Amino acid sequence: MFLNSPDSLGHELDCLKTRSKIIIWLNPMLGRKEYIADTESMKAALPHLDLFAPAHSLASLGDAIGYLARTYR
C-alpha cells in the first residue's frame, strides 16, 4: 500500500477513528456548486467521517460549530 493511496487514507482514518469520538472533514471546495467529491481518495475517506461539510464561508463554519454543539451537549 502506498502512503498516498486512497486505501492508505482509508486505513489511516480507520485508525484515527479508534482514537477519537468523531472525525470532521471541512472542505472549502464543498461550498462550490460545481464541486463533486468523487475522487478515489474522497470515496475512501467518506465512510470514516462523521461530518463532511463545507468551509467556504463564516456561515458554513458556524454550521460546523453548531453540529459540534448539538452533538456534545
C-alpha atoms as a PDB file:
ATOM      1  CA  MET A   1       0.000   0.000   0.000  1.00  0.00           C
ATOM      2  CA  PHE A   2       1.432   3.373  -0.991  1.00  0.00           C
ATOM      3  CA  LEU A   3       1.436   6.102   1.620  1.00  0.00           C
ATOM      4  CA  ASN A   4      -0.569   8.438  -0.584  1.00  0.00           C
ATOM      5  CA  SER A   5      -3.031   5.872  -1.928  1.00  0.00           C
ATOM      6  CA  PRO A   6      -6.783   6.001  -1.271  1.00  0.00           C
ATOM      7  CA  ASP A   7      -6.509   2.688   0.579  1.00  0.00           C
ATOM      8  CA  SER A   8      -3.846   4.177   2.832  1.00  0.00           C
ATOM      9  CA  LEU A   9      -6.064   7.173   3.572  1.00  0.00           C
ATOM     10  CA  GLY A  10      -8.971   4.895   4.463  1.00  0.00           C
ATOM     11  CA  HIS A  11      -6.727   2.811   6.706  1.00  0.00           C
ATOM     12  CA  GLU A  12      -5.321   5.865   8.497  1.00  0.00           C
ATOM     13  CA  LEU A  13      -8.784   7.331   9.036  1.00  0.00           C
ATOM     14  CA  ASP A  14      -9.934   3.968  10.393  1.00  0.00           C
ATOM     15  CA  CYS A  15      -7.022   4.021  12.879  1.00  0.00           C
ATOM     16  CA  LEU A  16      -7.828   7.608  13.807  1.00  0.00           C
ATOM     17  CA  LYS A  17     -11.482   6.687  14.349  1.00  0.00           C
ATOM     18  CA  THR A  18     -10.481   4.195  17.039  1.00  0.00           C
ATOM     19  CA  ARG A  19      -8.752   7.003  18.977  1.00  0.00           C
ATOM     20  CA  SER A  20     -11.324   9.769  18.564  1.00  0.00           C
ATOM     21  CA  LYS A  21     -15.002  10.383  19.147  1.00  0.00           C
ATOM     22  CA  ILE A  22     -15.717  11.904  15.764  1.00  0.00           C
ATOM     23  CA  ILE A  23     -13.930  12.850  12.578  1.00  0.00           C
ATOM     24  CA  ILE A  24     -14.938  16.078  10.893  1.00  0.00           C
ATOM     25  CA  TRP A  25     -13.592  16.956   7.455  1.00  0.00           C
ATOM     26  CA  LEU A  26     -14.119  20.577   6.464  1.00  0.00           C
ATOM     27  CA  ASN A  27     -13.570  21.265   2.788  1.00  0.00           C
ATOM     28  CA  PRO A  28     -13.615  24.784   1.304  1.00  0.00           C
ATOM     29  CA  MET A  29     -14.276  23.349  -2.163  1.00  0.00           C
ATOM     30  CA  LEU A  30     -17.506  21.704  -0.983  1.00  0.00           C
ATOM     31  CA  GLY A  31     -19.194  25.106  -0.986  1.00  0.00           C
ATOM     32  CA  ARG A  32     -18.876  25.399  -4.770  1.00  0.00           C
ATOM     33  CA  LYS A  33     -21.816  24.208  -6.844  1.00  0.00           C
ATOM     34  CA  GLU A  34     -19.565  22.502  -9.390  1.00  0.00           C
ATOM     35  CA  TYR A  35     -17.528  20.561  -6.804  1.00  0.00           C
ATOM     36  CA  ILE A  36     -18.167  16.838  -6.595  1.00  0.00           C
ATOM     37  CA  ALA A  37     -16.356  14.737  -4.014  1.00  0.00           C
ATOM     38  CA  ASP A  38     -15.818  11.828  -6.386  1.00  0.00           C
ATOM     39  CA  THR A  39     -12.064  11.252  -6.313  1.00  0.00           C
ATOM     40  CA  GLU A  40     -10.878   7.841  -5.201  1.00  0.00           C
ATOM     41  CA  SER A  41      -9.401   9.389  -2.072  1.00  0.00           C
ATOM     42  CA  MET A  42     -12.683  11.036  -1.077  1.00  0.00           C
ATOM     43  CA  LYS A  43     -14.562   7.813  -1.785  1.00  0.00           C
ATOM     44  CA  ALA A  44     -12.147   6.058   0.581  1.00  0.00           C
ATOM     45  CA  ALA A  45     -12.451   8.771   3.244  1.00  0.00           C
ATOM     46  CA  LEU A  46     -16.213   9.379   3.344  1.00  0.00           C
ATOM     47  CA  PRO A  47     -17.224   6.145   5.144  1.00  0.00           C
ATOM     48  CA  HIS A  48     -14.954   7.095   8.050  1.00  0.00           C
ATOM     49  CA  LEU A  49     -16.235  10.647   8.510  1.00  0.00           C
ATOM     50  CA  ASP A  50     -18.942  11.713  10.906  1.00  0.00           C
ATOM     51  CA  LEU A  51     -19.303  15.049   9.162  1.00  0.00           C
ATOM     52  CA  PHE A  52     -18.168  16.125   5.712  1.00  0.00           C
ATOM     53  CA  ALA A  53     -19.020  19.789   5.478  1.00  0.00           C
ATOM     54  CA  PRO A  54     -18.160  22.934   3.542  1.00  0.00           C
ATOM     55  CA  ALA A  55     -15.787  25.514   4.967  1.00  0.00           C
ATOM     56  CA  HIS A  56     -16.086  28.247   2.361  1.00  0.00           C
ATOM     57  CA  SER A  57     -17.713  30.946   4.480  1.00  0.00           C
ATOM     58  CA  LEU A  58     -18.223  32.064   8.044  1.00  0.00           C
ATOM     59  CA  ALA A  59     -21.767  30.705   7.866  1.00  0.00           C
ATOM     60  CA  SER A  60     -20.541  27.246   6.868  1.00  0.00           C
ATOM     61  CA  LEU A  61     -18.018  27.272   9.721  1.00  0.00           C
ATOM     62  CA  GLY A  62     -20.841  28.333  12.032  1.00  0.00           C
ATOM     63  CA  ASP A  63     -22.836  25.325  10.856  1.00  0.00           C
ATOM     64  CA  ALA A  64     -19.920  23.036  11.753  1.00  0.00           C
ATOM     65  CA  ILE A  65     -19.734  24.624  15.202  1.00  0.00           C
ATOM     66  CA  GLY A  66     -23.485  24.118  15.532  1.00  0.00           C
ATOM     67  CA  TYR A  67     -23.023  20.434  14.694  1.00  0.00           C
ATOM     68  CA  LEU A  68     -20.470  20.122  17.486  1.00  0.00           C
ATOM     69  CA  ALA A  69     -22.729  21.975  19.926  1.00  0.00           C
ATOM     70  CA  ARG A  70     -25.702  19.693  19.127  1.00  0.00           C
ATOM     71  CA  THR A  71     -23.575  16.557  19.239  1.00  0.00           C
ATOM     72  CA  TYR A  72     -21.822  17.325  22.529  1.00  0.00           C
ATOM     73  CA  ARG A  73     -24.385  18.945  24.807  1.00  0.00           C
END
